[in-house]
Amino acid sequence: IDGSIRPPDISRTHRVCSRFLAEYRRRNPDARVSVL
């Protein structure tokens, strides 16, 4: 659930969440991620 108000390319919150998801997917490649 992406509650960032600023666009993703300048949102610091989005950057932290994206790094978390990237690492989680790297360790769990079968995970299914839905972005809202």
PDB file of all heavy atoms in Angstrom:
ATOM      1  N   ILE A   1       0.861  -1.173   0.000  1.00  0.00           N
ATOM      2  CA  ILE A   1       0.000   0.000   0.000  1.00  0.00           C
ATOM      3  C   ILE A   1       0.900   1.227   0.000  1.00  0.00           C
ATOM      4  O   ILE A   1       1.521   1.558   1.022  1.00  0.00           O
ATOM      5  CB  ILE A   1      -0.932  -0.003   1.227  1.00  0.00           C
ATOM      6  CG1 ILE A   1      -1.789  -1.268   1.235  1.00  0.00           C
ATOM      7  CG2 ILE A   1      -1.817   1.247   1.240  1.00  0.00           C
ATOM      8  CD1 ILE A   1      -2.395  -1.583   2.588  1.00  0.00           C
ATOM      9  N   ASP A   2       1.004   1.861  -1.144  1.00  0.00           N
ATOM     10  CA  ASP A   2       1.915   2.980  -1.332  1.00  0.00           C
ATOM     11  C   ASP A   2       1.188   4.288  -1.025  1.00  0.00           C
ATOM     12  O   ASP A   2       0.423   4.795  -1.839  1.00  0.00           O
ATOM     13  CB  ASP A   2       2.445   2.975  -2.771  1.00  0.00           C
ATOM     14  CG  ASP A   2       3.410   4.112  -3.049  1.00  0.00           C
ATOM     15  OD1 ASP A   2       3.775   4.822  -2.088  1.00  0.00           O
ATOM     16  OD2 ASP A   2       3.793   4.290  -4.217  1.00  0.00           O
ATOM     17  N   GLY A   3       1.440   4.813   0.171  1.00  0.00           N
ATOM     18  CA  GLY A   3       0.810   6.055   0.593  1.00  0.00           C
ATOM     19  C   GLY A   3       1.676   7.277   0.369  1.00  0.00           C
ATOM     20  O   GLY A   3       1.413   8.341   0.955  1.00  0.00           O
ATOM     21  N   SER A   4       2.697   7.145  -0.487  1.00  0.00           N
ATOM     22  CA  SER A   4       3.556   8.286  -0.804  1.00  0.00           C
ATOM     23  C   SER A   4       2.761   9.339  -1.561  1.00  0.00           C
ATOM     24  O   SER A   4       1.991   9.014  -2.462  1.00  0.00           O
ATOM     25  CB  SER A   4       4.751   7.845  -1.656  1.00  0.00           C
ATOM     26  OG  SER A   4       5.505   6.854  -0.986  1.00  0.00           O
ATOM     27  N   ILE A   5       2.973  10.585  -1.216  1.00  0.00           N
ATOM     28  CA  ILE A   5       2.295  11.674  -1.901  1.00  0.00           C
ATOM     29  C   ILE A   5       3.145  12.186  -3.059  1.00  0.00           C
ATOM     30  O   ILE A   5       2.632  12.481  -4.140  1.00  0.00           O
ATOM     31  CB  ILE A   5       1.987  12.819  -0.921  1.00  0.00           C
ATOM     32  CG1 ILE A   5       1.109  12.293   0.228  1.00  0.00           C
ATOM     33  CG2 ILE A   5       1.284  13.963  -1.641  1.00  0.00           C
ATOM     34  CD1 ILE A   5      -0.202  11.666  -0.208  1.00  0.00           C
ATOM     35  N   ARG A   6       4.429  12.266  -2.857  1.00  0.00           N
ATOM     36  CA  ARG A   6       5.335  12.674  -3.919  1.00  0.00           C
ATOM     37  C   ARG A   6       5.506  11.547  -4.934  1.00  0.00           C
ATOM     38  O   ARG A   6       5.309  10.376  -4.596  1.00  0.00           O
ATOM     39  CB  ARG A   6       6.688  13.072  -3.339  1.00  0.00           C
ATOM     40  CG  ARG A   6       6.633  14.310  -2.438  1.00  0.00           C
ATOM     41  CD  ARG A   6       8.003  14.625  -1.867  1.00  0.00           C
ATOM     42  NE  ARG A   6       7.984  15.869  -1.097  1.00  0.00           N
ATOM     43  CZ  ARG A   6       7.659  15.939   0.194  1.00  0.00           C
ATOM     44  NH1 ARG A   6       7.330  14.824   0.837  1.00  0.00           N
ATOM     45  NH2 ARG A   6       7.656  17.099   0.820  1.00  0.00           N
ATOM     46  N   PRO A   7       5.892  11.866  -6.162  1.00  0.00           N
ATOM     47  CA  PRO A   7       6.126  10.823  -7.172  1.00  0.00           C
ATOM     48  C   PRO A   7       7.192   9.833  -6.707  1.00  0.00           C
ATOM     49  O   PRO A   7       8.080  10.192  -5.922  1.00  0.00           O
ATOM     50  CB  PRO A   7       6.601  11.617  -8.398  1.00  0.00           C
ATOM     51  CG  PRO A   7       6.053  12.992  -8.187  1.00  0.00           C
ATOM     52  CD  PRO A   7       6.064  13.234  -6.716  1.00  0.00           C
ATOM     53  N   PRO A   8       7.123   8.599  -7.169  1.00  0.00           N
ATOM     54  CA  PRO A   8       8.055   7.562  -6.706  1.00  0.00           C
ATOM     55  C   PRO A   8       9.524   7.925  -6.878  1.00  0.00           C
ATOM     56  O   PRO A   8      10.353   7.538  -6.044  1.00  0.00           O
ATOM     57  CB  PRO A   8       7.677   6.353  -7.569  1.00  0.00           C
ATOM     58  CG  PRO A   8       6.258   6.575  -7.935  1.00  0.00           C
ATOM     59  CD  PRO A   8       6.112   8.055  -8.089  1.00  0.00           C
ATOM     60  N   ASP A   9       9.861   8.676  -7.917  1.00  0.00           N
ATOM     61  CA  ASP A   9      11.270   8.959  -8.168  1.00  0.00           C
ATOM     62  C   ASP A   9      11.865   9.969  -7.192  1.00  0.00           C
ATOM     63  O   ASP A   9      13.096  10.094  -7.102  1.00  0.00           O
ATOM     64  CB  ASP A   9      11.479   9.438  -9.609  1.00  0.00           C
ATOM     65  CG  ASP A   9      10.682  10.691  -9.922  1.00  0.00           C
ATOM     66  OD1 ASP A   9       9.619  10.895  -9.307  1.00  0.00           O
ATOM     67  OD2 ASP A   9      11.132  11.469 -10.781  1.00  0.00           O
ATOM     68  N   ILE A  10      11.036  10.682  -6.429  1.00  0.00           N
ATOM     69  CA  ILE A  10      11.563  11.615  -5.443  1.00  0.00           C
ATOM     70  C   ILE A  10      11.082  11.314  -4.025  1.00  0.00           C
ATOM     71  O   ILE A  10      11.487  12.003  -3.083  1.00  0.00           O
ATOM     72  CB  ILE A  10      11.218  13.075  -5.802  1.00  0.00           C
ATOM     73  CG1 ILE A  10       9.703  13.283  -5.804  1.00  0.00           C
ATOM     74  CG2 ILE A  10      11.836  13.463  -7.133  1.00  0.00           C
ATOM     75  CD1 ILE A  10       9.311  14.747  -6.008  1.00  0.00           C
ATOM     76  N   SER A  11      10.236  10.314  -3.854  1.00  0.00           N
ATOM     77  CA  SER A  11       9.714   9.965  -2.539  1.00  0.00           C
ATOM     78  C   SER A  11      10.720   9.108  -1.777  1.00  0.00           C
ATOM     79  O   SER A  11      11.106   8.034  -2.229  1.00  0.00           O
ATOM     80  CB  SER A  11       8.396   9.193  -2.669  1.00  0.00           C
ATOM     81  OG  SER A  11       8.033   8.617  -1.432  1.00  0.00           O
ATOM     82  N   ARG A  12      11.125   9.579  -0.621  1.00  0.00           N
ATOM     83  CA  ARG A  12      12.053   8.805   0.209  1.00  0.00           C
ATOM     84  C   ARG A  12      11.374   7.579   0.799  1.00  0.00           C
ATOM     85  O   ARG A  12      11.993   6.528   0.929  1.00  0.00           O
ATOM     86  CB  ARG A  12      12.627   9.709   1.304  1.00  0.00           C
ATOM     87  CG  ARG A  12      13.432  10.876   0.738  1.00  0.00           C
ATOM     88  CD  ARG A  12      13.929  11.833   1.793  1.00  0.00           C
ATOM     89  NE  ARG A  12      12.887  12.490   2.554  1.00  0.00           N
ATOM     90  CZ  ARG A  12      13.037  13.630   3.221  1.00  0.00           C
ATOM     91  NH1 ARG A  12      14.212  14.254   3.186  1.00  0.00           N
ATOM     92  NH2 ARG A  12      12.046  14.166   3.907  1.00  0.00           N
ATOM     93  N   THR A  13      10.105   7.723   1.131  1.00  0.00           N
ATOM     94  CA  THR A  13       9.355   6.579   1.644  1.00  0.00           C
ATOM     95  C   THR A  13       9.292   5.471   0.597  1.00  0.00           C
ATOM     96  O   THR A  13       9.506   4.290   0.905  1.00  0.00           O
ATOM     97  CB  THR A  13       7.934   6.992   2.051  1.00  0.00           C
ATOM     98  OG1 THR A  13       7.994   8.076   2.967  1.00  0.00           O
ATOM     99  CG2 THR A  13       7.199   5.824   2.688  1.00  0.00           C
ATOM    100  N   HIS A  14       8.992   5.844  -0.626  1.00  0.00           N
ATOM    101  CA  HIS A  14       8.901   4.864  -1.703  1.00  0.00           C
ATOM    102  C   HIS A  14      10.248   4.188  -1.933  1.00  0.00           C
ATOM    103  O   HIS A  14      10.315   2.985  -2.210  1.00  0.00           O
ATOM    104  CB  HIS A  14       8.420   5.537  -2.986  1.00  0.00           C
ATOM    105  CG  HIS A  14       8.056   4.577  -4.071  1.00  0.00           C
ATOM    106  ND1 HIS A  14       8.990   4.042  -4.937  1.00  0.00           N
ATOM    107  CD2 HIS A  14       6.863   4.027  -4.421  1.00  0.00           C
ATOM    108  CE1 HIS A  14       8.391   3.221  -5.769  1.00  0.00           C
ATOM    109  NE2 HIS A  14       7.096   3.203  -5.486  1.00  0.00           N
ATOM    110  N   ARG A  15      11.314   4.944  -1.820  1.00  0.00           N
ATOM    111  CA  ARG A  15      12.649   4.372  -2.026  1.00  0.00           C
ATOM    112  C   ARG A  15      12.949   3.297  -0.986  1.00  0.00           C
ATOM    113  O   ARG A  15      13.491   2.236  -1.320  1.00  0.00           O
ATOM    114  CB  ARG A  15      13.703   5.482  -1.959  1.00  0.00           C
ATOM    115  CG  ARG A  15      15.126   4.997  -2.232  1.00  0.00           C
ATOM    116  CD  ARG A  15      16.106   6.148  -2.224  1.00  0.00           C
ATOM    117  NE  ARG A  15      17.470   5.677  -2.356  1.00  0.00           N
ATOM    118  CZ  ARG A  15      18.537   6.447  -2.279  1.00  0.00           C
ATOM    119  NH1 ARG A  15      18.387   7.761  -2.087  1.00  0.00           N
ATOM    120  NH2 ARG A  15      19.755   5.940  -2.400  1.00  0.00           N
ATOM    121  N   VAL A  16      12.618   3.567   0.266  1.00  0.00           N
ATOM    122  CA  VAL A  16      12.866   2.579   1.324  1.00  0.00           C
ATOM    123  C   VAL A  16      12.005   1.339   1.098  1.00  0.00           C
ATOM    124  O   VAL A  16      12.486   0.203   1.206  1.00  0.00           O
ATOM    125  CB  VAL A  16      12.588   3.190   2.712  1.00  0.00           C
ATOM    126  CG1 VAL A  16      12.751   2.137   3.804  1.00  0.00           C
ATOM    127  CG2 VAL A  16      13.533   4.367   2.981  1.00  0.00           C
ATOM    128  N   CYS A  17      10.737   1.533   0.757  1.00  0.00           N
ATOM    129  CA  CYS A  17       9.844   0.397   0.508  1.00  0.00           C
ATOM    130  C   CYS A  17      10.315  -0.420  -0.693  1.00  0.00           C
ATOM    131  O   CYS A  17      10.271  -1.661  -0.657  1.00  0.00           O
ATOM    132  CB  CYS A  17       8.416   0.894   0.271  1.00  0.00           C
ATOM    133  SG  CYS A  17       7.602   1.560   1.734  1.00  0.00           S
ATOM    134  N   SER A  18      10.764   0.244  -1.734  1.00  0.00           N
ATOM    135  CA  SER A  18      11.230  -0.457  -2.925  1.00  0.00           C
ATOM    136  C   SER A  18      12.457  -1.298  -2.628  1.00  0.00           C
ATOM    137  O   SER A  18      12.592  -2.419  -3.136  1.00  0.00           O
ATOM    138  CB  SER A  18      11.537   0.550  -4.038  1.00  0.00           C
ATOM    139  OG  SER A  18      10.370   1.202  -4.468  1.00  0.00           O
ATOM    140  N   ARG A  19      13.364  -0.751  -1.803  1.00  0.00           N
ATOM    141  CA  ARG A  19      14.548  -1.530  -1.444  1.00  0.00           C
ATOM    142  C   ARG A  19      14.152  -2.767  -0.630  1.00  0.00           C
ATOM    143  O   ARG A  19      14.696  -3.847  -0.833  1.00  0.00           O
ATOM    144  CB  ARG A  19      15.510  -0.665  -0.639  1.00  0.00           C
ATOM    145  CG  ARG A  19      16.794  -1.384  -0.212  1.00  0.00           C
ATOM    146  CD  ARG A  19      17.682  -1.744  -1.393  1.00  0.00           C
ATOM    147  NE  ARG A  19      18.199  -0.554  -2.036  1.00  0.00           N
ATOM    148  CZ  ARG A  19      19.344   0.037  -1.676  1.00  0.00           C
ATOM    149  NH1 ARG A  19      20.083  -0.457  -0.699  1.00  0.00           N
ATOM    150  NH2 ARG A  19      19.739   1.113  -2.321  1.00  0.00           N
ATOM    151  N   PHE A  20      13.194  -2.593   0.275  1.00  0.00           N
ATOM    152  CA  PHE A  20      12.716  -3.732   1.059  1.00  0.00           C
ATOM    153  C   PHE A  20      12.130  -4.812   0.157  1.00  0.00           C
ATOM    154  O   PHE A  20      12.471  -5.996   0.285  1.00  0.00           O
ATOM    155  CB  PHE A  20      11.656  -3.261   2.052  1.00  0.00           C
ATOM    156  CG  PHE A  20      10.999  -4.378   2.816  1.00  0.00           C
ATOM    157  CD1 PHE A  20      11.579  -4.882   3.967  1.00  0.00           C
ATOM    158  CD2 PHE A  20       9.807  -4.935   2.371  1.00  0.00           C
ATOM    159  CE1 PHE A  20      10.985  -5.930   4.666  1.00  0.00           C
ATOM    160  CE2 PHE A  20       9.211  -5.973   3.054  1.00  0.00           C
ATOM    161  CZ  PHE A  20       9.799  -6.477   4.213  1.00  0.00           C
ATOM    162  N   LEU A  21      11.271  -4.420  -0.773  1.00  0.00           N
ATOM    163  CA  LEU A  21      10.632  -5.392  -1.656  1.00  0.00           C
ATOM    164  C   LEU A  21      11.636  -6.062  -2.582  1.00  0.00           C
ATOM    165  O   LEU A  21      11.536  -7.262  -2.850  1.00  0.00           O
ATOM    166  CB  LEU A  21       9.533  -4.718  -2.469  1.00  0.00           C
ATOM    167  CG  LEU A  21       8.272  -4.322  -1.695  1.00  0.00           C
ATOM    168  CD1 LEU A  21       7.345  -3.510  -2.579  1.00  0.00           C
ATOM    169  CD2 LEU A  21       7.559  -5.554  -1.157  1.00  0.00           C
ATOM    170  N   ALA A  22      12.610  -5.299  -3.052  1.00  0.00           N
ATOM    171  CA  ALA A  22      13.621  -5.875  -3.937  1.00  0.00           C
ATOM    172  C   ALA A  22      14.420  -6.957  -3.215  1.00  0.00           C
ATOM    173  O   ALA A  22      14.688  -8.036  -3.775  1.00  0.00           O
ATOM    174  CB  ALA A  22      14.557  -4.778  -4.451  1.00  0.00           C
ATOM    175  N   GLU A  23      14.779  -6.679  -1.984  1.00  0.00           N
ATOM    176  CA  GLU A  23      15.540  -7.675  -1.219  1.00  0.00           C
ATOM    177  C   GLU A  23      14.672  -8.873  -0.869  1.00  0.00           C
ATOM    178  O   GLU A  23      15.125 -10.020  -0.918  1.00  0.00           O
ATOM    179  CB  GLU A  23      16.102  -7.039   0.055  1.00  0.00           C
ATOM    180  CG  GLU A  23      16.906  -7.984   0.940  1.00  0.00           C
ATOM    181  CD  GLU A  23      18.160  -8.524   0.270  1.00  0.00           C
ATOM    182  OE1 GLU A  23      18.598  -7.969  -0.762  1.00  0.00           O
ATOM    183  OE2 GLU A  23      18.711  -9.531   0.774  1.00  0.00           O
ATOM    184  N   TYR A  24      13.419  -8.611  -0.532  1.00  0.00           N
ATOM    185  CA  TYR A  24      12.516  -9.728  -0.214  1.00  0.00           C
ATOM    186  C   TYR A  24      12.306 -10.618  -1.432  1.00  0.00           C
ATOM    187  O   TYR A  24      12.354 -11.847  -1.334  1.00  0.00           O
ATOM    188  CB  TYR A  24      11.179  -9.201   0.290  1.00  0.00           C
ATOM    189  CG  TYR A  24      10.277 -10.313   0.781  1.00  0.00           C
ATOM    190  CD1 TYR A  24      10.360 -10.764   2.092  1.00  0.00           C
ATOM    191  CD2 TYR A  24       9.369 -10.944  -0.073  1.00  0.00           C
ATOM    192  CE1 TYR A  24       9.566 -11.804   2.543  1.00  0.00           C
ATOM    193  CE2 TYR A  24       8.576 -11.986   0.357  1.00  0.00           C
ATOM    194  CZ  TYR A  24       8.679 -12.415   1.673  1.00  0.00           C
ATOM    195  OH  TYR A  24       7.910 -13.453   2.108  1.00  0.00           O
ATOM    196  N   ARG A  25      12.105  -9.998  -2.597  1.00  0.00           N
ATOM    197  CA  ARG A  25      11.917 -10.772  -3.825  1.00  0.00           C
ATOM    198  C   ARG A  25      13.187 -11.531  -4.211  1.00  0.00           C
ATOM    199  O   ARG A  25      13.120 -12.624  -4.765  1.00  0.00           O
ATOM    200  CB  ARG A  25      11.502  -9.846  -4.980  1.00  0.00           C
ATOM    201  CG  ARG A  25      10.075  -9.357  -4.909  1.00  0.00           C
ATOM    202  CD  ARG A  25       9.075 -10.483  -5.107  1.00  0.00           C
ATOM    203  NE  ARG A  25       9.325 -11.223  -6.316  1.00  0.00           N
ATOM    204  CZ  ARG A  25       8.880 -10.898  -7.523  1.00  0.00           C
ATOM    205  NH1 ARG A  25       8.184  -9.791  -7.666  1.00  0.00           N
ATOM    206  NH2 ARG A  25       9.141 -11.642  -8.565  1.00  0.00           N
ATOM    207  N   ARG A  26      14.343 -10.942  -3.923  1.00  0.00           N
ATOM    208  CA  ARG A  26      15.592 -11.635  -4.219  1.00  0.00           C
ATOM    209  C   ARG A  26      15.700 -12.921  -3.416  1.00  0.00           C
ATOM    210  O   ARG A  26      16.166 -13.949  -3.923  1.00  0.00           O
ATOM    211  CB  ARG A  26      16.786 -10.728  -3.901  1.00  0.00           C
ATOM    212  CG  ARG A  26      18.140 -11.290  -4.338  1.00  0.00           C
ATOM    213  CD  ARG A  26      19.271 -10.363  -3.964  1.00  0.00           C
ATOM    214  NE  ARG A  26      19.538 -10.390  -2.540  1.00  0.00           N
ATOM    215  CZ  ARG A  26      20.288 -11.320  -1.940  1.00  0.00           C
ATOM    216  NH1 ARG A  26      20.805 -12.326  -2.633  1.00  0.00           N
ATOM    217  NH2 ARG A  26      20.495 -11.262  -0.637  1.00  0.00           N
ATOM    218  N   ARG A  27      15.255 -12.870  -2.183  1.00  0.00           N
ATOM    219  CA  ARG A  27      15.308 -14.037  -1.309  1.00  0.00           C
ATOM    220  C   ARG A  27      14.105 -14.960  -1.492  1.00  0.00           C
ATOM    221  O   ARG A  27      14.175 -16.133  -1.122  1.00  0.00           O
ATOM    222  CB  ARG A  27      15.395 -13.593   0.154  1.00  0.00           C
ATOM    223  CG  ARG A  27      16.700 -12.880   0.483  1.00  0.00           C
ATOM    224  CD  ARG A  27      16.680 -12.319   1.894  1.00  0.00           C
ATOM    225  NE  ARG A  27      17.964 -11.732   2.259  1.00  0.00           N
ATOM    226  CZ  ARG A  27      18.979 -12.402   2.803  1.00  0.00           C
ATOM    227  NH1 ARG A  27      18.836 -13.690   3.072  1.00  0.00           N
ATOM    228  NH2 ARG A  27      20.103 -11.795   3.100  1.00  0.00           N
ATOM    229  N   ASN A  28      13.022 -14.431  -2.014  1.00  0.00           N
ATOM    230  CA  ASN A  28      11.784 -15.199  -2.203  1.00  0.00           C
ATOM    231  C   ASN A  28      11.263 -14.948  -3.612  1.00  0.00           C
ATOM    232  O   ASN A  28      10.250 -14.245  -3.807  1.00  0.00           O
ATOM    233  CB  ASN A  28      10.731 -14.788  -1.167  1.00  0.00           C
ATOM    234  CG  ASN A  28      11.214 -14.934   0.253  1.00  0.00           C
ATOM    235  OD1 ASN A  28      11.114 -15.998   0.865  1.00  0.00           O
ATOM    236  ND2 ASN A  28      11.763 -13.842   0.804  1.00  0.00           N
ATOM    237  N   PRO A  29      11.920 -15.494  -4.616  1.00  0.00           N
ATOM    238  CA  PRO A  29      11.578 -15.174  -6.012  1.00  0.00           C
ATOM    239  C   PRO A  29      10.166 -15.578  -6.422  1.00  0.00           C
ATOM    240  O   PRO A  29       9.647 -15.068  -7.429  1.00  0.00           O
ATOM    241  CB  PRO A  29      12.632 -15.934  -6.813  1.00  0.00           C
ATOM    242  CG  PRO A  29      13.138 -17.002  -5.890  1.00  0.00           C
ATOM    243  CD  PRO A  29      13.060 -16.422  -4.520  1.00  0.00           C
ATOM    244  N   ASP A  30       9.538 -16.461  -5.678  1.00  0.00           N
ATOM    245  CA  ASP A  30       8.180 -16.883  -6.023  1.00  0.00           C
ATOM    246  C   ASP A  30       7.113 -15.959  -5.427  1.00  0.00           C
ATOM    247  O   ASP A  30       5.918 -16.150  -5.694  1.00  0.00           O
ATOM    248  CB  ASP A  30       7.932 -18.313  -5.548  1.00  0.00           C
ATOM    249  CG  ASP A  30       8.778 -19.328  -6.307  1.00  0.00           C
ATOM    250  OD1 ASP A  30       9.116 -19.040  -7.474  1.00  0.00           O
ATOM    251  OD2 ASP A  30       9.105 -20.384  -5.741  1.00  0.00           O
ATOM    252  N   ALA A  31       7.533 -15.007  -4.615  1.00  0.00           N
ATOM    253  CA  ALA A  31       6.563 -14.109  -3.985  1.00  0.00           C
ATOM    254  C   ALA A  31       5.820 -13.293  -5.041  1.00  0.00           C
ATOM    255  O   ALA A  31       6.379 -12.919  -6.067  1.00  0.00           O
ATOM    256  CB  ALA A  31       7.261 -13.180  -3.003  1.00  0.00           C
ATOM    257  N   ARG A  32       4.576 -13.025  -4.785  1.00  0.00           N
ATOM    258  CA  ARG A  32       3.725 -12.250  -5.702  1.00  0.00           C
ATOM    259  C   ARG A  32       3.427 -10.912  -5.031  1.00  0.00           C
ATOM    260  O   ARG A  32       2.859 -10.871  -3.937  1.00  0.00           O
ATOM    261  CB  ARG A  32       2.443 -13.022  -5.969  1.00  0.00           C
ATOM    262  CG  ARG A  32       1.454 -12.371  -6.922  1.00  0.00           C
ATOM    263  CD  ARG A  32       0.374 -13.381  -7.273  1.00  0.00           C
ATOM    264  NE  ARG A  32      -0.665 -12.808  -8.115  1.00  0.00           N
ATOM    265  CZ  ARG A  32      -1.845 -12.391  -7.664  1.00  0.00           C
ATOM    266  NH1 ARG A  32      -2.129 -12.477  -6.382  1.00  0.00           N
ATOM    267  NH2 ARG A  32      -2.738 -11.897  -8.486  1.00  0.00           N
ATOM    268  N   VAL A  33       3.831  -9.819  -5.672  1.00  0.00           N
ATOM    269  CA  VAL A  33       3.705  -8.484  -5.087  1.00  0.00           C
ATOM    270  C   VAL A  33       2.660  -7.667  -5.848  1.00  0.00           C
ATOM    271  O   VAL A  33       2.748  -7.533  -7.071  1.00  0.00           O
ATOM    272  CB  VAL A  33       5.055  -7.738  -5.094  1.00  0.00           C
ATOM    273  CG1 VAL A  33       4.896  -6.351  -4.491  1.00  0.00           C
ATOM    274  CG2 VAL A  33       6.112  -8.538  -4.325  1.00  0.00           C
ATOM    275  N   SER A  34       1.686  -7.132  -5.135  1.00  0.00           N
ATOM    276  CA  SER A  34       0.688  -6.228  -5.705  1.00  0.00           C
ATOM    277  C   SER A  34       0.941  -4.831  -5.146  1.00  0.00           C
ATOM    278  O   SER A  34       1.014  -4.654  -3.931  1.00  0.00           O
ATOM    279  CB  SER A  34      -0.728  -6.675  -5.337  1.00  0.00           C
ATOM    280  OG  SER A  34      -1.000  -7.977  -5.816  1.00  0.00           O
ATOM    281  N   VAL A  35       1.099  -3.861  -6.038  1.00  0.00           N
ATOM    282  CA  VAL A  35       1.392  -2.485  -5.633  1.00  0.00           C
ATOM    283  C   VAL A  35       0.146  -1.628  -5.823  1.00  0.00           C
ATOM    284  O   VAL A  35      -0.401  -1.553  -6.928  1.00  0.00           O
ATOM    285  CB  VAL A  35       2.567  -1.913  -6.455  1.00  0.00           C
ATOM    286  CG1 VAL A  35       2.900  -0.496  -5.977  1.00  0.00           C
ATOM    287  CG2 VAL A  35       3.792  -2.812  -6.354  1.00  0.00           C
ATOM    288  N   LEU A  36      -0.291  -0.985  -4.754  1.00  0.00           N
ATOM    289  CA  LEU A  36      -1.466  -0.128  -4.800  1.00  0.00           C
ATOM    290  C   LEU A  36      -1.063   1.314  -4.487  1.00  0.00           C
ATOM    291  O   LEU A  36      -0.902   1.691  -3.323  1.00  0.00           O
ATOM    292  CB  LEU A  36      -2.517  -0.599  -3.792  1.00  0.00           C
ATOM    293  CG  LEU A  36      -3.781   0.252  -3.666  1.00  0.00           C
ATOM    294  CD1 LEU A  36      -4.528   0.305  -4.980  1.00  0.00           C
ATOM    295  CD2 LEU A  36      -4.679  -0.276  -2.552  1.00  0.00           C
TER     296      LEU A  36
END
